[in-house]
N, C-alpha and C. Protein backbone atom coordinates (compact mmCIF):
# COMPACT_ATOMS: atom_id res chain seq x y z
N MET A 1 2.69 -27.29 44.72
CA MET A 1 2.25 -27.63 43.39
C MET A 1 1.20 -26.65 42.89
N LYS A 2 0.27 -26.27 43.82
CA LYS A 2 -0.76 -25.31 43.44
C LYS A 2 -0.14 -23.97 43.08
N ASN A 3 0.90 -23.58 43.81
CA ASN A 3 1.57 -22.32 43.50
C ASN A 3 2.22 -22.35 42.13
N LEU A 4 2.81 -23.48 41.77
CA LEU A 4 3.43 -23.62 40.45
C LEU A 4 2.38 -23.53 39.36
N LEU A 5 1.25 -24.16 39.55
CA LEU A 5 0.15 -24.12 38.58
C LEU A 5 -0.36 -22.69 38.44
N PHE A 6 -0.49 -21.98 39.56
CA PHE A 6 -0.94 -20.59 39.53
C PHE A 6 0.03 -19.72 38.74
N ILE A 7 1.31 -19.90 38.97
CA ILE A 7 2.33 -19.12 38.26
C ILE A 7 2.27 -19.39 36.76
N ILE A 8 2.10 -20.63 36.36
CA ILE A 8 2.03 -20.98 34.95
C ILE A 8 0.80 -20.35 34.31
N VAL A 9 -0.36 -20.45 34.95
CA VAL A 9 -1.60 -19.86 34.41
C VAL A 9 -1.48 -18.35 34.35
N PHE A 10 -0.97 -17.72 35.41
CA PHE A 10 -0.81 -16.27 35.43
C PHE A 10 0.15 -15.81 34.34
N SER A 11 1.25 -16.52 34.14
CA SER A 11 2.23 -16.17 33.11
C SER A 11 1.61 -16.28 31.71
N ALA A 12 0.82 -17.31 31.50
CA ALA A 12 0.17 -17.50 30.19
C ALA A 12 -0.80 -16.37 29.93
N GLN A 13 -1.54 -15.92 30.95
CA GLN A 13 -2.47 -14.81 30.76
C GLN A 13 -1.71 -13.52 30.50
N LEU A 14 -0.61 -13.30 31.18
CA LEU A 14 0.20 -12.11 30.98
C LEU A 14 0.74 -12.07 29.55
N ILE A 15 1.25 -13.18 29.06
CA ILE A 15 1.75 -13.25 27.69
C ILE A 15 0.63 -12.99 26.71
N SER A 16 -0.54 -13.54 26.95
CA SER A 16 -1.70 -13.33 26.09
C SER A 16 -2.06 -11.85 26.04
N CYS A 17 -2.04 -11.16 27.17
CA CYS A 17 -2.35 -9.73 27.20
C CYS A 17 -1.32 -8.93 26.42
N GLN A 18 -0.06 -9.30 26.54
CA GLN A 18 0.99 -8.59 25.82
C GLN A 18 0.83 -8.76 24.31
N GLU A 19 0.39 -9.92 23.86
CA GLU A 19 0.18 -10.12 22.42
C GLU A 19 -0.96 -9.27 21.91
N ASN A 20 -1.99 -9.04 22.72
CA ASN A 20 -3.13 -8.23 22.31
C ASN A 20 -2.79 -6.75 22.20
N VAL A 21 -1.75 -6.29 22.89
CA VAL A 21 -1.35 -4.89 22.83
C VAL A 21 -0.99 -4.50 21.41
N SER A 22 -0.22 -5.32 20.71
CA SER A 22 0.21 -4.96 19.36
C SER A 22 -0.95 -4.91 18.38
N THR A 23 -1.94 -5.79 18.51
CA THR A 23 -3.07 -5.76 17.60
C THR A 23 -4.02 -4.62 17.94
N SER A 24 -3.98 -4.09 19.16
CA SER A 24 -4.86 -2.99 19.53
C SER A 24 -4.39 -1.66 18.95
N ASP A 25 -3.24 -1.62 18.30
CA ASP A 25 -2.79 -0.41 17.62
C ASP A 25 -3.70 -0.08 16.45
N PHE A 26 -4.45 -1.07 15.96
CA PHE A 26 -5.32 -0.90 14.80
C PHE A 26 -6.78 -0.84 15.24
N THR A 27 -7.57 -0.09 14.47
CA THR A 27 -9.00 0.05 14.77
C THR A 27 -9.81 -1.14 14.26
N GLY A 28 -9.26 -1.89 13.33
CA GLY A 28 -9.99 -2.98 12.69
C GLY A 28 -10.52 -2.58 11.32
N ASN A 29 -10.49 -1.28 11.00
CA ASN A 29 -10.90 -0.83 9.67
C ASN A 29 -9.78 -1.10 8.68
N GLU A 30 -10.12 -1.78 7.60
CA GLU A 30 -9.13 -2.19 6.60
C GLU A 30 -9.81 -2.28 5.24
N THR A 31 -9.14 -1.78 4.22
CA THR A 31 -9.66 -1.85 2.85
C THR A 31 -8.55 -2.33 1.94
N THR A 32 -8.87 -3.29 1.08
CA THR A 32 -7.89 -3.83 0.14
C THR A 32 -8.37 -3.60 -1.29
N TYR A 33 -7.44 -3.16 -2.13
CA TYR A 33 -7.70 -2.92 -3.55
C TYR A 33 -6.80 -3.86 -4.36
N ASP A 34 -7.33 -4.37 -5.46
CA ASP A 34 -6.53 -5.22 -6.35
C ASP A 34 -5.60 -4.37 -7.20
N LEU A 35 -4.42 -4.90 -7.44
CA LEU A 35 -3.46 -4.28 -8.36
C LEU A 35 -3.30 -5.23 -9.54
N GLN A 36 -3.36 -4.70 -10.73
CA GLN A 36 -3.22 -5.56 -11.90
C GLN A 36 -1.96 -5.22 -12.68
N SER A 37 -1.55 -6.15 -13.49
CA SER A 37 -0.38 -5.98 -14.32
C SER A 37 -0.58 -4.80 -15.25
N ALA A 38 0.47 -3.99 -15.39
CA ALA A 38 0.37 -2.80 -16.23
C ALA A 38 1.36 -2.81 -17.38
N SER A 39 2.08 -3.89 -17.55
CA SER A 39 3.09 -3.98 -18.61
C SER A 39 3.23 -5.44 -19.00
N HIS A 40 4.24 -5.74 -19.80
CA HIS A 40 4.44 -7.13 -20.19
C HIS A 40 4.98 -8.00 -19.05
N TYR A 41 5.34 -7.39 -17.93
CA TYR A 41 5.75 -8.15 -16.75
C TYR A 41 4.49 -8.73 -16.11
N ASN A 42 4.55 -9.97 -15.70
CA ASN A 42 3.40 -10.64 -15.11
C ASN A 42 3.40 -10.40 -13.59
N ILE A 43 3.02 -9.17 -13.21
CA ILE A 43 3.04 -8.77 -11.80
C ILE A 43 1.66 -8.24 -11.43
N SER A 44 1.14 -8.73 -10.32
CA SER A 44 -0.15 -8.28 -9.81
C SER A 44 -0.06 -8.28 -8.29
N GLY A 45 -1.14 -7.89 -7.62
CA GLY A 45 -1.09 -7.92 -6.17
C GLY A 45 -2.23 -7.20 -5.51
N ALA A 46 -1.94 -6.68 -4.32
CA ALA A 46 -2.95 -6.01 -3.51
C ALA A 46 -2.35 -4.79 -2.82
N PHE A 47 -3.20 -3.80 -2.60
CA PHE A 47 -2.86 -2.55 -1.92
C PHE A 47 -3.83 -2.44 -0.76
N THR A 48 -3.33 -2.49 0.47
CA THR A 48 -4.19 -2.52 1.65
C THR A 48 -3.95 -1.31 2.54
N LEU A 49 -5.05 -0.70 2.96
CA LEU A 49 -5.03 0.41 3.92
C LEU A 49 -5.55 -0.12 5.24
N LYS A 50 -4.79 0.11 6.33
CA LYS A 50 -5.19 -0.32 7.66
C LYS A 50 -5.18 0.89 8.59
N GLU A 51 -6.33 1.19 9.19
CA GLU A 51 -6.44 2.35 10.07
C GLU A 51 -5.82 2.05 11.43
N LYS A 52 -4.97 2.98 11.88
CA LYS A 52 -4.36 2.86 13.21
C LYS A 52 -5.04 3.83 14.18
N ARG A 53 -5.03 3.48 15.44
CA ARG A 53 -5.68 4.31 16.46
C ARG A 53 -5.03 5.68 16.60
N ASP A 54 -3.76 5.81 16.25
CA ASP A 54 -3.07 7.10 16.38
C ASP A 54 -3.35 8.05 15.22
N GLY A 55 -4.23 7.65 14.28
CA GLY A 55 -4.59 8.52 13.16
C GLY A 55 -3.81 8.27 11.89
N THR A 56 -2.77 7.46 11.97
CA THR A 56 -2.01 7.13 10.76
C THR A 56 -2.67 5.94 10.06
N THR A 57 -2.25 5.73 8.84
CA THR A 57 -2.73 4.59 8.06
C THR A 57 -1.53 3.76 7.66
N GLN A 58 -1.58 2.47 7.93
CA GLN A 58 -0.54 1.57 7.45
C GLN A 58 -0.93 1.15 6.04
N VAL A 59 -0.02 1.40 5.10
CA VAL A 59 -0.24 1.04 3.70
C VAL A 59 0.65 -0.16 3.41
N VAL A 60 0.03 -1.25 2.95
CA VAL A 60 0.78 -2.47 2.65
C VAL A 60 0.58 -2.80 1.17
N VAL A 61 1.68 -2.94 0.46
CA VAL A 61 1.65 -3.40 -0.92
C VAL A 61 2.22 -4.80 -0.93
N LYS A 62 1.49 -5.73 -1.53
CA LYS A 62 1.96 -7.11 -1.65
C LYS A 62 1.82 -7.51 -3.11
N LEU A 63 2.96 -7.73 -3.77
CA LEU A 63 2.98 -8.09 -5.18
C LEU A 63 3.33 -9.56 -5.36
N VAL A 64 2.83 -10.14 -6.43
CA VAL A 64 3.15 -11.50 -6.84
C VAL A 64 3.85 -11.39 -8.18
N GLY A 65 4.97 -12.08 -8.33
CA GLY A 65 5.68 -12.10 -9.61
C GLY A 65 6.97 -11.30 -9.63
N THR A 66 7.37 -10.74 -8.49
CA THR A 66 8.62 -9.98 -8.45
C THR A 66 9.76 -10.89 -7.97
N SER A 67 10.98 -10.50 -8.32
CA SER A 67 12.17 -11.23 -7.87
C SER A 67 13.37 -10.31 -8.00
N GLY A 68 14.48 -10.73 -7.44
CA GLY A 68 15.72 -9.96 -7.54
C GLY A 68 15.91 -9.05 -6.35
N GLU A 69 16.87 -8.15 -6.48
CA GLU A 69 17.27 -7.27 -5.39
C GLU A 69 16.79 -5.83 -5.56
N SER A 70 15.99 -5.56 -6.56
CA SER A 70 15.54 -4.19 -6.85
C SER A 70 14.60 -3.65 -5.78
N LYS A 71 14.57 -2.34 -5.70
CA LYS A 71 13.60 -1.61 -4.89
C LYS A 71 12.68 -0.91 -5.90
N LEU A 72 11.41 -1.30 -5.92
CA LEU A 72 10.46 -0.82 -6.91
C LEU A 72 9.66 0.35 -6.34
N PRO A 73 9.79 1.55 -6.94
CA PRO A 73 9.10 2.74 -6.42
C PRO A 73 7.58 2.58 -6.44
N VAL A 74 6.94 3.09 -5.40
CA VAL A 74 5.49 3.07 -5.28
C VAL A 74 5.01 4.51 -5.13
N HIS A 75 4.11 4.92 -6.04
CA HIS A 75 3.56 6.27 -6.02
C HIS A 75 2.05 6.22 -5.83
N LEU A 76 1.55 7.08 -4.97
CA LEU A 76 0.12 7.32 -4.85
C LEU A 76 -0.16 8.58 -5.65
N HIS A 77 -1.02 8.47 -6.67
CA HIS A 77 -1.31 9.58 -7.57
C HIS A 77 -2.73 10.08 -7.39
N LEU A 78 -2.93 11.36 -7.63
CA LEU A 78 -4.28 11.92 -7.69
C LEU A 78 -4.86 11.60 -9.06
N GLY A 79 -6.13 11.27 -9.10
CA GLY A 79 -6.77 10.89 -10.34
C GLY A 79 -6.73 9.38 -10.52
N ASP A 80 -7.46 8.91 -11.53
CA ASP A 80 -7.47 7.47 -11.76
C ASP A 80 -6.25 7.06 -12.58
N ILE A 81 -6.12 5.76 -12.81
CA ILE A 81 -4.93 5.17 -13.42
C ILE A 81 -4.67 5.67 -14.84
N SER A 82 -5.71 6.21 -15.49
CA SER A 82 -5.55 6.67 -16.87
C SER A 82 -5.43 8.19 -16.97
N THR A 83 -5.32 8.89 -15.83
CA THR A 83 -5.19 10.35 -15.84
C THR A 83 -3.79 10.76 -16.29
N PRO A 84 -3.69 11.44 -17.45
CA PRO A 84 -2.36 11.87 -17.90
C PRO A 84 -1.81 12.98 -16.99
N GLY A 85 -0.53 12.90 -16.68
CA GLY A 85 0.13 13.93 -15.88
C GLY A 85 -0.38 14.03 -14.46
N ALA A 86 -0.89 12.94 -13.90
CA ALA A 86 -1.43 12.97 -12.53
C ALA A 86 -0.34 13.32 -11.52
N ASP A 87 -0.67 14.23 -10.62
CA ASP A 87 0.26 14.63 -9.58
C ASP A 87 0.49 13.49 -8.58
N VAL A 88 1.68 13.45 -8.02
CA VAL A 88 2.00 12.47 -6.98
C VAL A 88 1.43 12.98 -5.67
N ALA A 89 0.55 12.20 -5.07
CA ALA A 89 -0.04 12.55 -3.77
C ALA A 89 0.90 12.15 -2.64
N ALA A 90 1.62 11.02 -2.82
CA ALA A 90 2.56 10.56 -1.80
C ALA A 90 3.52 9.55 -2.41
N LEU A 91 4.77 9.62 -1.98
CA LEU A 91 5.76 8.60 -2.32
C LEU A 91 5.76 7.60 -1.18
N LEU A 92 5.49 6.36 -1.49
CA LEU A 92 5.43 5.32 -0.48
C LEU A 92 6.73 4.53 -0.46
N SER A 93 6.93 3.75 0.56
CA SER A 93 8.14 2.92 0.64
C SER A 93 8.20 1.99 -0.56
N PRO A 94 9.39 1.83 -1.14
CA PRO A 94 9.51 0.96 -2.32
C PRO A 94 9.25 -0.51 -1.98
N VAL A 95 8.79 -1.23 -2.97
CA VAL A 95 8.58 -2.67 -2.83
C VAL A 95 9.94 -3.36 -2.92
N ASN A 96 10.21 -4.24 -1.99
CA ASN A 96 11.39 -5.09 -2.05
C ASN A 96 11.06 -6.20 -3.05
N ALA A 97 11.73 -6.21 -4.20
CA ALA A 97 11.40 -7.18 -5.26
C ALA A 97 11.56 -8.62 -4.80
N LYS A 98 12.49 -8.85 -3.87
CA LYS A 98 12.71 -10.21 -3.39
C LYS A 98 11.50 -10.75 -2.63
N THR A 99 10.88 -9.90 -1.79
CA THR A 99 9.73 -10.33 -1.00
C THR A 99 8.40 -9.90 -1.60
N GLY A 100 8.43 -8.92 -2.49
CA GLY A 100 7.21 -8.40 -3.10
C GLY A 100 6.39 -7.52 -2.17
N THR A 101 7.01 -7.04 -1.08
CA THR A 101 6.24 -6.27 -0.10
C THR A 101 6.80 -4.87 0.15
N SER A 102 5.90 -4.02 0.59
CA SER A 102 6.23 -2.67 1.01
C SER A 102 5.26 -2.28 2.12
N GLU A 103 5.75 -1.60 3.14
CA GLU A 103 4.90 -1.07 4.20
C GLU A 103 5.27 0.37 4.46
N THR A 104 4.25 1.22 4.57
CA THR A 104 4.44 2.64 4.82
C THR A 104 3.44 3.09 5.86
N LEU A 105 3.86 3.89 6.83
CA LEU A 105 2.94 4.57 7.73
C LEU A 105 2.67 5.93 7.12
N LEU A 106 1.43 6.16 6.73
CA LEU A 106 1.07 7.39 6.01
C LEU A 106 0.24 8.29 6.91
N LYS A 107 0.73 9.52 7.13
CA LYS A 107 -0.04 10.48 7.90
C LYS A 107 -0.16 11.82 7.19
N GLN A 108 0.65 12.00 6.13
CA GLN A 108 0.52 13.22 5.35
C GLN A 108 0.87 12.96 3.90
N LEU A 109 0.31 13.83 3.04
CA LEU A 109 0.56 13.73 1.61
C LEU A 109 1.78 14.56 1.24
N SER A 110 2.17 14.52 -0.01
CA SER A 110 3.36 15.24 -0.48
C SER A 110 3.26 16.74 -0.25
N ASP A 111 2.04 17.29 -0.26
CA ASP A 111 1.87 18.73 -0.01
C ASP A 111 1.85 19.05 1.48
N GLU A 112 2.18 18.08 2.31
CA GLU A 112 2.28 18.17 3.77
C GLU A 112 0.93 18.29 4.47
N SER A 113 -0.17 18.09 3.74
CA SER A 113 -1.48 18.07 4.38
C SER A 113 -1.67 16.72 5.05
N GLU A 114 -2.31 16.73 6.23
CA GLU A 114 -2.56 15.48 6.94
C GLU A 114 -3.62 14.68 6.21
N VAL A 115 -3.48 13.35 6.28
CA VAL A 115 -4.44 12.47 5.63
C VAL A 115 -4.74 11.31 6.58
N THR A 116 -6.03 10.98 6.69
CA THR A 116 -6.46 9.89 7.54
C THR A 116 -6.93 8.73 6.67
N TYR A 117 -7.22 7.64 7.31
CA TYR A 117 -7.77 6.47 6.62
C TYR A 117 -9.05 6.84 5.87
N SER A 118 -9.96 7.53 6.54
CA SER A 118 -11.22 7.90 5.87
C SER A 118 -10.98 8.88 4.73
N ASP A 119 -9.98 9.76 4.85
CA ASP A 119 -9.63 10.67 3.75
C ASP A 119 -9.17 9.87 2.53
N LEU A 120 -8.37 8.83 2.77
CA LEU A 120 -7.87 8.01 1.66
C LEU A 120 -9.00 7.27 0.96
N LEU A 121 -10.01 6.85 1.71
CA LEU A 121 -11.15 6.17 1.09
C LEU A 121 -11.96 7.11 0.21
N LYS A 122 -11.89 8.41 0.49
CA LYS A 122 -12.63 9.42 -0.28
C LYS A 122 -11.79 10.06 -1.38
N LEU A 123 -10.52 9.72 -1.43
CA LEU A 123 -9.59 10.34 -2.38
C LEU A 123 -9.76 9.74 -3.77
N ASN A 124 -9.80 10.60 -4.78
CA ASN A 124 -9.82 10.17 -6.18
C ASN A 124 -8.37 9.90 -6.54
N ALA A 125 -7.94 8.63 -6.44
CA ALA A 125 -6.51 8.34 -6.54
C ALA A 125 -6.26 6.97 -7.15
N CYS A 126 -4.97 6.73 -7.42
CA CYS A 126 -4.51 5.43 -7.90
C CYS A 126 -3.11 5.19 -7.36
N VAL A 127 -2.67 3.95 -7.46
CA VAL A 127 -1.32 3.59 -7.05
C VAL A 127 -0.62 2.96 -8.25
N LYS A 128 0.65 3.30 -8.41
CA LYS A 128 1.46 2.73 -9.49
C LYS A 128 2.79 2.27 -8.91
N ILE A 129 3.20 1.07 -9.31
CA ILE A 129 4.49 0.53 -8.91
C ILE A 129 5.35 0.51 -10.17
N HIS A 130 6.51 1.17 -10.11
CA HIS A 130 7.38 1.35 -11.26
C HIS A 130 8.57 0.39 -11.23
N LEU A 131 9.17 0.19 -12.40
CA LEU A 131 10.36 -0.62 -12.51
C LEU A 131 11.56 0.08 -11.88
N SER A 132 11.61 1.41 -11.99
CA SER A 132 12.73 2.19 -11.46
C SER A 132 12.25 3.61 -11.19
N ASP A 133 13.06 4.38 -10.48
CA ASP A 133 12.72 5.79 -10.29
C ASP A 133 13.62 6.71 -11.12
N VAL A 134 14.45 6.13 -11.98
CA VAL A 134 15.33 6.92 -12.85
C VAL A 134 15.34 6.34 -14.27
N GLY A 135 15.73 7.19 -15.20
CA GLY A 135 15.89 6.75 -16.59
C GLY A 135 14.58 6.35 -17.25
N VAL A 136 14.70 5.68 -18.38
CA VAL A 136 13.51 5.29 -19.14
C VAL A 136 12.67 4.26 -18.39
N GLU A 137 13.28 3.52 -17.49
CA GLU A 137 12.54 2.51 -16.73
C GLU A 137 11.55 3.11 -15.74
N ARG A 138 11.70 4.42 -15.45
CA ARG A 138 10.74 5.07 -14.55
C ARG A 138 9.38 5.18 -15.20
N ASN A 139 9.32 5.13 -16.53
CA ASN A 139 8.05 5.20 -17.24
C ASN A 139 7.37 3.84 -17.38
N ILE A 140 8.03 2.79 -16.90
CA ILE A 140 7.42 1.45 -16.97
C ILE A 140 6.67 1.20 -15.66
N VAL A 141 5.36 1.11 -15.78
CA VAL A 141 4.52 0.80 -14.63
C VAL A 141 4.33 -0.71 -14.62
N LEU A 142 4.78 -1.34 -13.55
CA LEU A 142 4.68 -2.79 -13.43
C LEU A 142 3.28 -3.24 -13.06
N ALA A 143 2.68 -2.53 -12.11
CA ALA A 143 1.34 -2.88 -11.63
C ALA A 143 0.71 -1.63 -11.06
N GLY A 144 -0.60 -1.64 -10.98
CA GLY A 144 -1.30 -0.50 -10.41
C GLY A 144 -2.77 -0.76 -10.31
N GLY A 145 -3.44 0.23 -9.76
CA GLY A 145 -4.89 0.13 -9.63
C GLY A 145 -5.47 1.39 -9.04
N ASN A 146 -6.76 1.55 -9.24
CA ASN A 146 -7.48 2.68 -8.69
C ASN A 146 -7.83 2.40 -7.23
N ILE A 147 -7.82 3.47 -6.42
CA ILE A 147 -8.21 3.36 -5.02
C ILE A 147 -9.17 4.50 -4.68
N GLY A 148 -9.73 4.45 -3.49
CA GLY A 148 -10.65 5.50 -3.07
C GLY A 148 -11.85 5.58 -4.00
N THR A 149 -12.24 6.81 -4.35
CA THR A 149 -13.41 6.98 -5.22
C THR A 149 -13.12 6.57 -6.66
N SER A 150 -11.87 6.44 -7.03
CA SER A 150 -11.52 6.02 -8.40
C SER A 150 -11.79 4.54 -8.64
N VAL A 151 -11.96 3.76 -7.58
CA VAL A 151 -12.10 2.32 -7.73
C VAL A 151 -13.34 1.96 -8.56
N SER A 152 -14.32 2.82 -8.58
CA SER A 152 -15.53 2.54 -9.36
C SER A 152 -15.31 2.73 -10.86
N LYS A 153 -14.20 3.37 -11.24
CA LYS A 153 -13.89 3.58 -12.65
C LYS A 153 -13.16 2.36 -13.19
N SER A 154 -13.66 1.82 -14.27
CA SER A 154 -13.00 0.65 -14.86
C SER A 154 -11.73 1.10 -15.58
N ILE A 155 -10.79 0.19 -15.66
CA ILE A 155 -9.55 0.48 -16.38
C ILE A 155 -9.75 -0.01 -17.80
N GLU A 156 -10.08 0.93 -18.67
CA GLU A 156 -10.37 0.57 -20.04
C GLU A 156 -9.09 0.18 -20.76
N ASN A 157 -9.22 -0.74 -21.67
CA ASN A 157 -8.10 -1.22 -22.49
C ASN A 157 -7.05 -1.98 -21.67
N GLY A 158 -7.42 -2.50 -20.51
CA GLY A 158 -6.48 -3.27 -19.71
C GLY A 158 -5.22 -2.50 -19.41
N ARG A 159 -4.10 -3.14 -19.58
CA ARG A 159 -2.83 -2.49 -19.21
C ARG A 159 -2.49 -1.32 -20.11
N THR A 160 -3.05 -1.23 -21.31
CA THR A 160 -2.78 -0.06 -22.15
C THR A 160 -3.50 1.18 -21.63
N GLY A 161 -4.43 0.99 -20.68
CA GLY A 161 -5.11 2.11 -20.06
C GLY A 161 -4.27 2.82 -19.02
N PHE A 162 -3.15 2.22 -18.61
CA PHE A 162 -2.25 2.84 -17.64
C PHE A 162 -1.41 3.89 -18.36
N VAL A 163 -1.32 5.07 -17.78
CA VAL A 163 -0.45 6.08 -18.36
C VAL A 163 0.76 6.28 -17.44
N PRO A 164 1.92 6.64 -18.00
CA PRO A 164 3.11 6.85 -17.17
C PRO A 164 2.91 8.05 -16.24
N CYS A 165 3.75 8.13 -15.25
CA CYS A 165 3.70 9.26 -14.31
C CYS A 165 4.18 10.53 -14.98
N LYS A 166 3.80 11.63 -14.38
CA LYS A 166 4.25 12.94 -14.85
C LYS A 166 5.75 13.03 -14.67
N SER A 167 6.46 13.41 -15.72
CA SER A 167 7.92 13.58 -15.62
C SER A 167 8.23 14.87 -14.88
N GLU A 168 9.16 14.79 -13.97
CA GLU A 168 9.54 15.96 -13.16
C GLU A 168 10.65 16.72 -13.84
């Protein structure tokens, strides 16, 4: 009986250790930015950066108010939300409209330069989630917000302060 009890306790500790392995991938550093509605669609949410021990950053977008089967493009732009013609710093994984979520492991920007969690916190940037990546709907920004050093800049005029992305 004692041997059976020992095996049960040992197995429980082993399982507990295995569960801690997955959470140890992260340093514990995490920053969340609010995303606000940028059009007549009632969509808002959060943009979260999570530092990983391997030097990458997990970027999580969680939107409220989306539905359907669409994949909504997510762009990280240089400059704040009202910067006209802002360059795309990184294309992130699209938001699944059905779940309202997107996850991206980010280790480099579009210009192929490496970027860390602390670099992103110092970046003058914003994030925009679009209705589509083609046609006139690509100019419709559903939600967005300033991140990094841009977060201290207020978004004047509410959603009219959002400017469309630079056309390629």
